[in-house]
Amino acid sequence: MKTVRMKIDVQSPNAKPIGRIDVKRVDATTEADIANHLAEDDANAMLDSAKFARRVRRRLGFSLNGLMFLWTRSATGNKASAAQQVRQRRF
């Protein structure tokens, strides 16, 4: 992005730069629109986290069942043997 240099006179209120928003559009946004945007953002975040988890699973060579097996075994504190069991079982 190109750098834009500006000189602002602090004494003059008209010298302040105007923001890059559409004021009419922002004022017309309702609470329902904001709730819809929030729901869309949450759905996109869940989708991104699922894609990340899938990518990590594939990189490690685990299926979903193998990963769940490892997770349940590691919750009991037996992490090393659980990982070995998963590798041996090849879910």
PDB file of N, CA and C in Angstrom:
ATOM      1  N   MET A   1       0.843  -1.164   0.000  1.00  0.00           N
ATOM      2  CA  MET A   1       0.000   0.000   0.000  1.00  0.00           C
ATOM      3  C   MET A   1       0.891   1.230   0.000  1.00  0.00           C
ATOM      4  N   LYS A   2       0.494   2.210  -0.732  1.00  0.00           N
ATOM      5  CA  LYS A   2       1.255   3.437  -0.862  1.00  0.00           C
ATOM      6  C   LYS A   2       1.169   4.257   0.427  1.00  0.00           C
ATOM      7  N   THR A   3       2.292   4.852   0.829  1.00  0.00           N
ATOM      8  CA  THR A   3       2.325   5.703   2.007  1.00  0.00           C
ATOM      9  C   THR A   3       1.895   7.110   1.632  1.00  0.00           C
ATOM     10  N   VAL A   4       0.947   7.639   2.397  1.00  0.00           N
ATOM     11  CA  VAL A   4       0.450   8.986   2.149  1.00  0.00           C
ATOM     12  C   VAL A   4       0.848   9.854   3.332  1.00  0.00           C
ATOM     13  N   ARG A   5       1.539  10.921   3.063  1.00  0.00           N
ATOM     14  CA  ARG A   5       1.949  11.842   4.122  1.00  0.00           C
ATOM     15  C   ARG A   5       0.999  13.034   4.140  1.00  0.00           C
ATOM     16  N   MET A   6       0.594  13.413   5.361  1.00  0.00           N
ATOM     17  CA  MET A   6      -0.332  14.537   5.509  1.00  0.00           C
ATOM     18  C   MET A   6       0.170  15.448   6.617  1.00  0.00           C
ATOM     19  N   LYS A   7      -0.136  16.712   6.484  1.00  0.00           N
ATOM     20  CA  LYS A   7       0.141  17.661   7.551  1.00  0.00           C
ATOM     21  C   LYS A   7      -1.203  18.070   8.132  1.00  0.00           C
ATOM     22  N   ILE A   8      -1.305  17.945   9.442  1.00  0.00           N
ATOM     23  CA  ILE A   8      -2.565  18.265  10.117  1.00  0.00           C
ATOM     24  C   ILE A   8      -2.333  19.445  11.049  1.00  0.00           C
ATOM     25  N   ASP A   9      -3.193  20.422  10.923  1.00  0.00           N
ATOM     26  CA  ASP A   9      -3.154  21.581  11.815  1.00  0.00           C
ATOM     27  C   ASP A   9      -4.047  21.260  13.006  1.00  0.00           C
ATOM     28  N   VAL A  10      -3.450  21.153  14.186  1.00  0.00           N
ATOM     29  CA  VAL A  10      -4.178  20.770  15.382  1.00  0.00           C
ATOM     30  C   VAL A  10      -5.181  21.841  15.796  1.00  0.00           C
ATOM     31  N   GLN A  11      -4.911  23.086  15.485  1.00  0.00           N
ATOM     32  CA  GLN A  11      -5.768  24.188  15.890  1.00  0.00           C
ATOM     33  C   GLN A  11      -7.058  24.261  15.070  1.00  0.00           C
ATOM     34  N   SER A  12      -7.050  23.713  13.885  1.00  0.00           N
ATOM     35  CA  SER A  12      -8.217  23.803  13.004  1.00  0.00           C
ATOM     36  C   SER A  12      -8.968  22.470  13.001  1.00  0.00           C
ATOM     37  N   PRO A  13     -10.223  22.437  13.452  1.00  0.00           N
ATOM     38  CA  PRO A  13     -10.976  21.176  13.475  1.00  0.00           C
ATOM     39  C   PRO A  13     -11.304  20.651  12.076  1.00  0.00           C
ATOM     40  N   ASN A  14     -11.326  21.507  11.078  1.00  0.00           N
ATOM     41  CA  ASN A  14     -11.626  21.073   9.718  1.00  0.00           C
ATOM     42  C   ASN A  14     -10.444  20.380   9.049  1.00  0.00           C
ATOM     43  N   ALA A  15      -9.266  20.457   9.665  1.00  0.00           N
ATOM     44  CA  ALA A  15      -8.065  19.888   9.070  1.00  0.00           C
ATOM     45  C   ALA A  15      -7.955  18.384   9.320  1.00  0.00           C
ATOM     46  N   LYS A  16      -8.805  17.833  10.186  1.00  0.00           N
ATOM     47  CA  LYS A  16      -8.741  16.408  10.483  1.00  0.00           C
ATOM     48  C   LYS A  16      -9.186  15.606   9.262  1.00  0.00           C
ATOM     49  N   PRO A  17      -8.508  14.493   8.987  1.00  0.00           N
ATOM     50  CA  PRO A  17      -8.896  13.688   7.821  1.00  0.00           C
ATOM     51  C   PRO A  17     -10.244  13.015   8.035  1.00  0.00           C
ATOM     52  N   ILE A  18     -10.979  12.872   6.957  1.00  0.00           N
ATOM     53  CA  ILE A  18     -12.276  12.217   7.004  1.00  0.00           C
ATOM     54  C   ILE A  18     -12.033  10.714   6.922  1.00  0.00           C
ATOM     55  N   GLY A  19     -12.779   9.946   7.727  1.00  0.00           N
ATOM     56  CA  GLY A  19     -12.606   8.497   7.757  1.00  0.00           C
ATOM     57  C   GLY A  19     -13.027   7.835   6.458  1.00  0.00           C
ATOM     58  N   ARG A  20     -12.648   6.594   6.313  1.00  0.00           N
ATOM     59  CA  ARG A  20     -12.949   5.838   5.102  1.00  0.00           C
ATOM     60  C   ARG A  20     -14.172   4.953   5.293  1.00  0.00           C
ATOM     61  N   ILE A  21     -15.217   5.449   5.875  1.00  0.00           N
ATOM     62  CA  ILE A  21     -16.426   4.661   6.051  1.00  0.00           C
ATOM     63  C   ILE A  21     -17.595   5.348   5.368  1.00  0.00           C
ATOM     64  N   ASP A  22     -18.590   4.564   5.074  1.00  0.00           N
ATOM     65  CA  ASP A  22     -19.831   5.086   4.525  1.00  0.00           C
ATOM     66  C   ASP A  22     -20.761   5.339   5.709  1.00  0.00           C
ATOM     67  N   VAL A  23     -20.864   6.585   6.134  1.00  0.00           N
ATOM     68  CA  VAL A  23     -21.607   6.935   7.341  1.00  0.00           C
ATOM     69  C   VAL A  23     -23.070   6.536   7.223  1.00  0.00           C
ATOM     70  N   LYS A  24     -23.667   6.729   6.065  1.00  0.00           N
ATOM     71  CA  LYS A  24     -25.080   6.371   5.882  1.00  0.00           C
ATOM     72  C   LYS A  24     -25.287   4.868   6.055  1.00  0.00           C
ATOM     73  N   ARG A  25     -24.379   4.119   5.505  1.00  0.00           N
ATOM     74  CA  ARG A  25     -24.500   2.659   5.605  1.00  0.00           C
ATOM     75  C   ARG A  25     -24.306   2.173   7.040  1.00  0.00           C
ATOM     76  N   VAL A  26     -23.366   2.782   7.758  1.00  0.00           N
ATOM     77  CA  VAL A  26     -23.134   2.411   9.156  1.00  0.00           C
ATOM     78  C   VAL A  26     -24.344   2.777  10.001  1.00  0.00           C
ATOM     79  N   ASP A  27     -24.914   3.944   9.774  1.00  0.00           N
ATOM     80  CA  ASP A  27     -26.100   4.367  10.524  1.00  0.00           C
ATOM     81  C   ASP A  27     -27.309   3.491  10.207  1.00  0.00           C
ATOM     82  N   ALA A  28     -27.378   2.957   9.004  1.00  0.00           N
ATOM     83  CA  ALA A  28     -28.514   2.134   8.601  1.00  0.00           C
ATOM     84  C   ALA A  28     -28.403   0.692   9.107  1.00  0.00           C
ATOM     85  N   THR A  29     -27.264   0.318   9.662  1.00  0.00           N
ATOM     86  CA  THR A  29     -27.079  -1.040  10.163  1.00  0.00           C
ATOM     87  C   THR A  29     -27.908  -1.244  11.423  1.00  0.00           C
ATOM     88  N   THR A  30     -28.727  -2.280  11.414  1.00  0.00           N
ATOM     89  CA  THR A  30     -29.599  -2.567  12.561  1.00  0.00           C
ATOM     90  C   THR A  30     -28.931  -3.583  13.481  1.00  0.00           C
ATOM     91  N   GLU A  31     -29.526  -3.778  14.648  1.00  0.00           N
ATOM     92  CA  GLU A  31     -29.024  -4.771  15.594  1.00  0.00           C
ATOM     93  C   GLU A  31     -29.126  -6.172  14.999  1.00  0.00           C
ATOM     94  N   ALA A  32     -30.164  -6.417  14.216  1.00  0.00           N
ATOM     95  CA  ALA A  32     -30.327  -7.724  13.567  1.00  0.00           C
ATOM     96  C   ALA A  32     -29.196  -7.965  12.565  1.00  0.00           C
ATOM     97  N   ASP A  33     -28.814  -6.929  11.818  1.00  0.00           N
ATOM     98  CA  ASP A  33     -27.695  -7.066  10.882  1.00  0.00           C
ATOM     99  C   ASP A  33     -26.403  -7.391  11.620  1.00  0.00           C
ATOM    100  N   ILE A  34     -26.198  -6.728  12.733  1.00  0.00           N
ATOM    101  CA  ILE A  34     -24.992  -6.963  13.531  1.00  0.00           C
ATOM    102  C   ILE A  34     -24.998  -8.386  14.070  1.00  0.00           C
ATOM    103  N   ALA A  35     -26.152  -8.876  14.528  1.00  0.00           N
ATOM    104  CA  ALA A  35     -26.259 -10.257  15.019  1.00  0.00           C
ATOM    105  C   ALA A  35     -25.977 -11.254  13.897  1.00  0.00           C
ATOM    106  N   ASN A  36     -26.466 -10.968  12.697  1.00  0.00           N
ATOM    107  CA  ASN A  36     -26.194 -11.847  11.549  1.00  0.00           C
ATOM    108  C   ASN A  36     -24.708 -11.875  11.208  1.00  0.00           C
ATOM    109  N   HIS A  37     -24.059 -10.705  11.241  1.00  0.00           N
ATOM    110  CA  HIS A  37     -22.621 -10.631  10.968  1.00  0.00           C
ATOM    111  C   HIS A  37     -21.838 -11.417  12.023  1.00  0.00           C
ATOM    112  N   LEU A  38     -22.273 -11.300  13.270  1.00  0.00           N
ATOM    113  CA  LEU A  38     -21.605 -12.020  14.352  1.00  0.00           C
ATOM    114  C   LEU A  38     -21.745 -13.527  14.161  1.00  0.00           C
ATOM    115  N   ALA A  39     -22.927 -13.983  13.786  1.00  0.00           N
ATOM    116  CA  ALA A  39     -23.151 -15.414  13.553  1.00  0.00           C
ATOM    117  C   ALA A  39     -22.299 -15.905  12.383  1.00  0.00           C
ATOM    118  N   GLU A  40     -22.202 -15.118  11.330  1.00  0.00           N
ATOM    119  CA  GLU A  40     -21.361 -15.489  10.183  1.00  0.00           C
ATOM    120  C   GLU A  40     -19.894 -15.577  10.586  1.00  0.00           C
ATOM    121  N   ASP A  41     -19.437 -14.613  11.391  1.00  0.00           N
ATOM    122  CA  ASP A  41     -18.048 -14.625  11.849  1.00  0.00           C
ATOM    123  C   ASP A  41     -17.761 -15.862  12.688  1.00  0.00           C
ATOM    124  N   ASP A  42     -18.694 -16.219  13.586  1.00  0.00           N
ATOM    125  CA  ASP A  42     -18.514 -17.408  14.416  1.00  0.00           C
ATOM    126  C   ASP A  42     -18.488 -18.672  13.568  1.00  0.00           C
ATOM    127  N   ALA A  43     -19.362 -18.750  12.575  1.00  0.00           N
ATOM    128  CA  ALA A  43     -19.396 -19.919  11.700  1.00  0.00           C
ATOM    129  C   ALA A  43     -18.096 -20.037  10.904  1.00  0.00           C
ATOM    130  N   ASN A  44     -17.587 -18.925  10.419  1.00  0.00           N
ATOM    131  CA  ASN A  44     -16.321 -18.939   9.678  1.00  0.00           C
ATOM    132  C   ASN A  44     -15.160 -19.343  10.577  1.00  0.00           C
ATOM    133  N   ALA A  45     -15.184 -18.901  11.834  1.00  0.00           N
ATOM    134  CA  ALA A  45     -14.122 -19.268  12.776  1.00  0.00           C
ATOM    135  C   ALA A  45     -14.149 -20.763  13.061  1.00  0.00           C
ATOM    136  N   MET A  46     -15.339 -21.328  13.210  1.00  0.00           N
ATOM    137  CA  MET A  46     -15.457 -22.775  13.449  1.00  0.00           C
ATOM    138  C   MET A  46     -14.953 -23.553  12.238  1.00  0.00           C
ATOM    139  N   LEU A  47     -15.288 -23.084  11.056  1.00  0.00           N
ATOM    140  CA  LEU A  47     -14.844 -23.747   9.828  1.00  0.00           C
ATOM    141  C   LEU A  47     -13.327 -23.688   9.705  1.00  0.00           C
ATOM    142  N   ASP A  48     -12.745 -22.535  10.022  1.00  0.00           N
ATOM    143  CA  ASP A  48     -11.289 -22.394   9.966  1.00  0.00           C
ATOM    144  C   ASP A  48     -10.600 -23.322  10.958  1.00  0.00           C
ATOM    145  N   SER A  49     -11.146 -23.434  12.177  1.00  0.00           N
ATOM    146  CA  SER A  49     -10.526 -24.313  13.170  1.00  0.00           C
ATOM    147  C   SER A  49     -10.655 -25.776  12.761  1.00  0.00           C
ATOM    148  N   ALA A  50     -11.770 -26.143  12.133  1.00  0.00           N
ATOM    149  CA  ALA A  50     -11.932 -27.524  11.664  1.00  0.00           C
ATOM    150  C   ALA A  50     -10.939 -27.830  10.548  1.00  0.00           C
ATOM    151  N   LYS A  51     -10.738 -26.878   9.640  1.00  0.00           N
ATOM    152  CA  LYS A  51      -9.764 -27.077   8.567  1.00  0.00           C
ATOM    153  C   LYS A  51      -8.355 -27.214   9.131  1.00  0.00           C
ATOM    154  N   PHE A  52      -8.036 -26.413  10.141  1.00  0.00           N
ATOM    155  CA  PHE A  52      -6.719 -26.488  10.766  1.00  0.00           C
ATOM    156  C   PHE A  52      -6.523 -27.845  11.428  1.00  0.00           C
ATOM    157  N   ALA A  53      -7.526 -28.302  12.172  1.00  0.00           N
ATOM    158  CA  ALA A  53      -7.421 -29.598  12.856  1.00  0.00           C
ATOM    159  C   ALA A  53      -7.261 -30.724  11.845  1.00  0.00           C
ATOM    160  N   ARG A  54      -7.997 -30.663  10.747  1.00  0.00           N
ATOM    161  CA  ARG A  54      -7.895 -31.683   9.703  1.00  0.00           C
ATOM    162  C   ARG A  54      -6.493 -31.694   9.087  1.00  0.00           C
ATOM    163  N   ARG A  55      -5.951 -30.501   8.862  1.00  0.00           N
ATOM    164  CA  ARG A  55      -4.617 -30.395   8.280  1.00  0.00           C
ATOM    165  C   ARG A  55      -3.553 -30.960   9.230  1.00  0.00           C
ATOM    166  N   VAL A  56      -3.687 -30.702  10.522  1.00  0.00           N
ATOM    167  CA  VAL A  56      -2.734 -31.219  11.504  1.00  0.00           C
ATOM    168  C   VAL A  56      -2.844 -32.736  11.594  1.00  0.00           C
ATOM    169  N   ARG A  57      -4.080 -33.247  11.601  1.00  0.00           N
ATOM    170  CA  ARG A  57      -4.276 -34.696  11.646  1.00  0.00           C
ATOM    171  C   ARG A  57      -3.617 -35.383  10.459  1.00  0.00           C
ATOM    172  N   ARG A  58      -3.803 -34.824   9.288  1.00  0.00           N
ATOM    173  CA  ARG A  58      -3.201 -35.415   8.084  1.00  0.00           C
ATOM    174  C   ARG A  58      -1.680 -35.350   8.143  1.00  0.00           C
ATOM    175  N   ARG A  59      -1.163 -34.250   8.651  1.00  0.00           N
ATOM    176  CA  ARG A  59       0.283 -34.096   8.746  1.00  0.00           C
ATOM    177  C   ARG A  59       0.886 -35.112   9.716  1.00  0.00           C
ATOM    178  N   LEU A  60       0.156 -35.392  10.810  1.00  0.00           N
ATOM    179  CA  LEU A  60       0.635 -36.358  11.790  1.00  0.00           C
ATOM    180  C   LEU A  60       0.339 -37.792  11.384  1.00  0.00           C
ATOM    181  N   GLY A  61      -0.538 -37.968  10.421  1.00  0.00           N
ATOM    182  CA  GLY A  61      -0.880 -39.308   9.967  1.00  0.00           C
ATOM    183  C   GLY A  61      -1.951 -39.980  10.787  1.00  0.00           C
ATOM    184  N   PHE A  62      -2.756 -39.212  11.520  1.00  0.00           N
ATOM    185  CA  PHE A  62      -3.816 -39.775  12.341  1.00  0.00           C
ATOM    186  C   PHE A  62      -5.166 -39.615  11.652  1.00  0.00           C
ATOM    187  N   SER A  63      -6.011 -40.605  11.819  1.00  0.00           N
ATOM    188  CA  SER A  63      -7.402 -40.436  11.419  1.00  0.00           C
ATOM    189  C   SER A  63      -8.120 -39.802  12.609  1.00  0.00           C
ATOM    190  N   LEU A  64      -9.379 -39.490  12.449  1.00  0.00           N
ATOM    191  CA  LEU A  64     -10.133 -38.902  13.559  1.00  0.00           C
ATOM    192  C   LEU A  64     -10.249 -39.903  14.708  1.00  0.00           C
ATOM    193  N   ASN A  65     -10.476 -41.179  14.391  1.00  0.00           N
ATOM    194  CA  ASN A  65     -10.567 -42.204  15.432  1.00  0.00           C
ATOM    195  C   ASN A  65      -9.250 -42.361  16.172  1.00  0.00           C
ATOM    196  N   GLY A  66      -8.153 -42.347  15.439  1.00  0.00           N
ATOM    197  CA  GLY A  66      -6.847 -42.461  16.070  1.00  0.00           C
ATOM    198  C   GLY A  66      -6.548 -41.287  16.972  1.00  0.00           C
ATOM    199  N   LEU A  67      -6.935 -40.109  16.534  1.00  0.00           N
ATOM    200  CA  LEU A  67      -6.709 -38.918  17.341  1.00  0.00           C
ATOM    201  C   LEU A  67      -7.558 -38.951  18.612  1.00  0.00           C
ATOM    202  N   MET A  68      -8.798 -39.414  18.499  1.00  0.00           N
ATOM    203  CA  MET A  68      -9.662 -39.528  19.682  1.00  0.00           C
ATOM    204  C   MET A  68      -9.096 -40.571  20.648  1.00  0.00           C
ATOM    205  N   PHE A  69      -8.571 -41.674  20.120  1.00  0.00           N
ATOM    206  CA  PHE A  69      -7.961 -42.691  20.964  1.00  0.00           C
ATOM    207  C   PHE A  69      -6.772 -42.104  21.712  1.00  0.00           C
ATOM    208  N   LEU A  70      -5.936 -41.371  21.002  1.00  0.00           N
ATOM    209  CA  LEU A  70      -4.773 -40.745  21.622  1.00  0.00           C
ATOM    210  C   LEU A  70      -5.199 -39.745  22.679  1.00  0.00           C
ATOM    211  N   TRP A  71      -6.239 -38.982  22.391  1.00  0.00           N
ATOM    212  CA  TRP A  71      -6.706 -37.968  23.334  1.00  0.00           C
ATOM    213  C   TRP A  71      -7.249 -38.613  24.600  1.00  0.00           C
ATOM    214  N   THR A  72      -8.027 -39.688  24.470  1.00  0.00           N
ATOM    215  CA  THR A  72      -8.582 -40.333  25.658  1.00  0.00           C
ATOM    216  C   THR A  72      -7.483 -40.986  26.475  1.00  0.00           C
ATOM    217  N   ARG A  73      -6.469 -41.553  25.813  1.00  0.00           N
ATOM    218  CA  ARG A  73      -5.362 -42.166  26.543  1.00  0.00           C
ATOM    219  C   ARG A  73      -4.495 -41.108  27.214  1.00  0.00           C
ATOM    220  N   SER A  74      -4.295 -39.976  26.553  1.00  0.00           N
ATOM    221  CA  SER A  74      -3.441 -38.946  27.138  1.00  0.00           C
ATOM    222  C   SER A  74      -4.133 -38.269  28.314  1.00  0.00           C
ATOM    223  N   ALA A  75      -5.454 -38.314  28.358  1.00  0.00           N
ATOM    224  CA  ALA A  75      -6.172 -37.728  29.490  1.00  0.00           C
ATOM    225  C   ALA A  75      -5.901 -38.517  30.758  1.00  0.00           C
ATOM    226  N   THR A  76      -5.556 -39.801  30.612  1.00  0.00           N
ATOM    227  CA  THR A  76      -5.239 -40.617  31.778  1.00  0.00           C
ATOM    228  C   THR A  76      -3.783 -40.492  32.190  1.00  0.00           C
ATOM    229  N   GLY A  77      -2.978 -39.795  31.386  1.00  0.00           N
ATOM    230  CA  GLY A  77      -1.587 -39.552  31.750  1.00  0.00           C
ATOM    231  C   GLY A  77      -0.598 -40.493  31.101  1.00  0.00           C
ATOM    232  N   ASN A  78      -1.041 -41.379  30.236  1.00  0.00           N
ATOM    233  CA  ASN A  78      -0.168 -42.355  29.604  1.00  0.00           C
ATOM    234  C   ASN A  78       0.087 -41.950  28.161  1.00  0.00           C
ATOM    235  N   LYS A  79       0.745 -40.805  27.965  1.00  0.00           N
ATOM    236  CA  LYS A  79       0.880 -40.209  26.637  1.00  0.00           C
ATOM    237  C   LYS A  79       1.801 -41.003  25.710  1.00  0.00           C
ATOM    238  N   ALA A  80       2.943 -41.415  26.200  1.00  0.00           N
ATOM    239  CA  ALA A  80       3.921 -42.070  25.334  1.00  0.00           C
ATOM    240  C   ALA A  80       3.378 -43.395  24.808  1.00  0.00           C
ATOM    241  N   SER A  81       2.836 -44.207  25.690  1.00  0.00           N
ATOM    242  CA  SER A  81       2.345 -45.505  25.232  1.00  0.00           C
ATOM    243  C   SER A  81       1.107 -45.346  24.362  1.00  0.00           C
ATOM    244  N   ALA A  82       0.308 -44.317  24.601  1.00  0.00           N
ATOM    245  CA  ALA A  82      -0.870 -44.083  23.768  1.00  0.00           C
ATOM    246  C   ALA A  82      -0.468 -43.738  22.345  1.00  0.00           C
ATOM    247  N   ALA A  83       0.559 -42.927  22.194  1.00  0.00           N
ATOM    248  CA  ALA A  83       1.031 -42.576  20.854  1.00  0.00           C
ATOM    249  C   ALA A  83       1.582 -43.802  20.145  1.00  0.00           C
ATOM    250  N   GLN A  84       2.280 -44.665  20.864  1.00  0.00           N
ATOM    251  CA  GLN A  84       2.807 -45.879  20.262  1.00  0.00           C
ATOM    252  C   GLN A  84       1.677 -46.806  19.840  1.00  0.00           C
ATOM    253  N   GLN A  85       0.644 -46.900  20.679  1.00  0.00           N
ATOM    254  CA  GLN A  85      -0.495 -47.750  20.356  1.00  0.00           C
ATOM    255  C   GLN A  85      -1.222 -47.253  19.108  1.00  0.00           C
ATOM    256  N   VAL A  86      -1.332 -45.938  18.997  1.00  0.00           N
ATOM    257  CA  VAL A  86      -1.995 -45.384  17.825  1.00  0.00           C
ATOM    258  C   VAL A  86      -1.208 -45.707  16.566  1.00  0.00           C
ATOM    259  N   ARG A  87       0.105 -45.582  16.633  1.00  0.00           N
ATOM    260  CA  ARG A  87       0.936 -45.894  15.482  1.00  0.00           C
ATOM    261  C   ARG A  87       0.846 -47.365  15.094  1.00  0.00           C
ATOM    262  N   GLN A  88       0.758 -48.228  16.110  1.00  0.00           N
ATOM    263  CA  GLN A  88       0.659 -49.656  15.843  1.00  0.00           C
ATOM    264  C   GLN A  88      -0.705 -50.026  15.282  1.00  0.00           C
ATOM    265  N   ARG A  89      -1.739 -49.406  15.767  1.00  0.00           N
ATOM    266  CA  ARG A  89      -3.097 -49.761  15.347  1.00  0.00           C
ATOM    267  C   ARG A  89      -3.404 -49.261  13.942  1.00  0.00           C
ATOM    268  N   ARG A  90      -2.823 -48.124  13.561  1.00  0.00           N
ATOM    269  CA  ARG A  90      -3.075 -47.533  12.236  1.00  0.00           C
ATOM    270  C   ARG A  90      -4.561 -47.420  11.934  1.00  0.00           C
ATOM    271  N   PHE A  91      -5.222 -46.575  12.686  1.00  0.00           N
ATOM    272  CA  PHE A  91      -6.666 -46.365  12.522  1.00  0.00           C
ATOM    273  C   PHE A  91      -6.982 -45.929  11.130  1.00  0.00           C
TER     274      PHE A  91
END
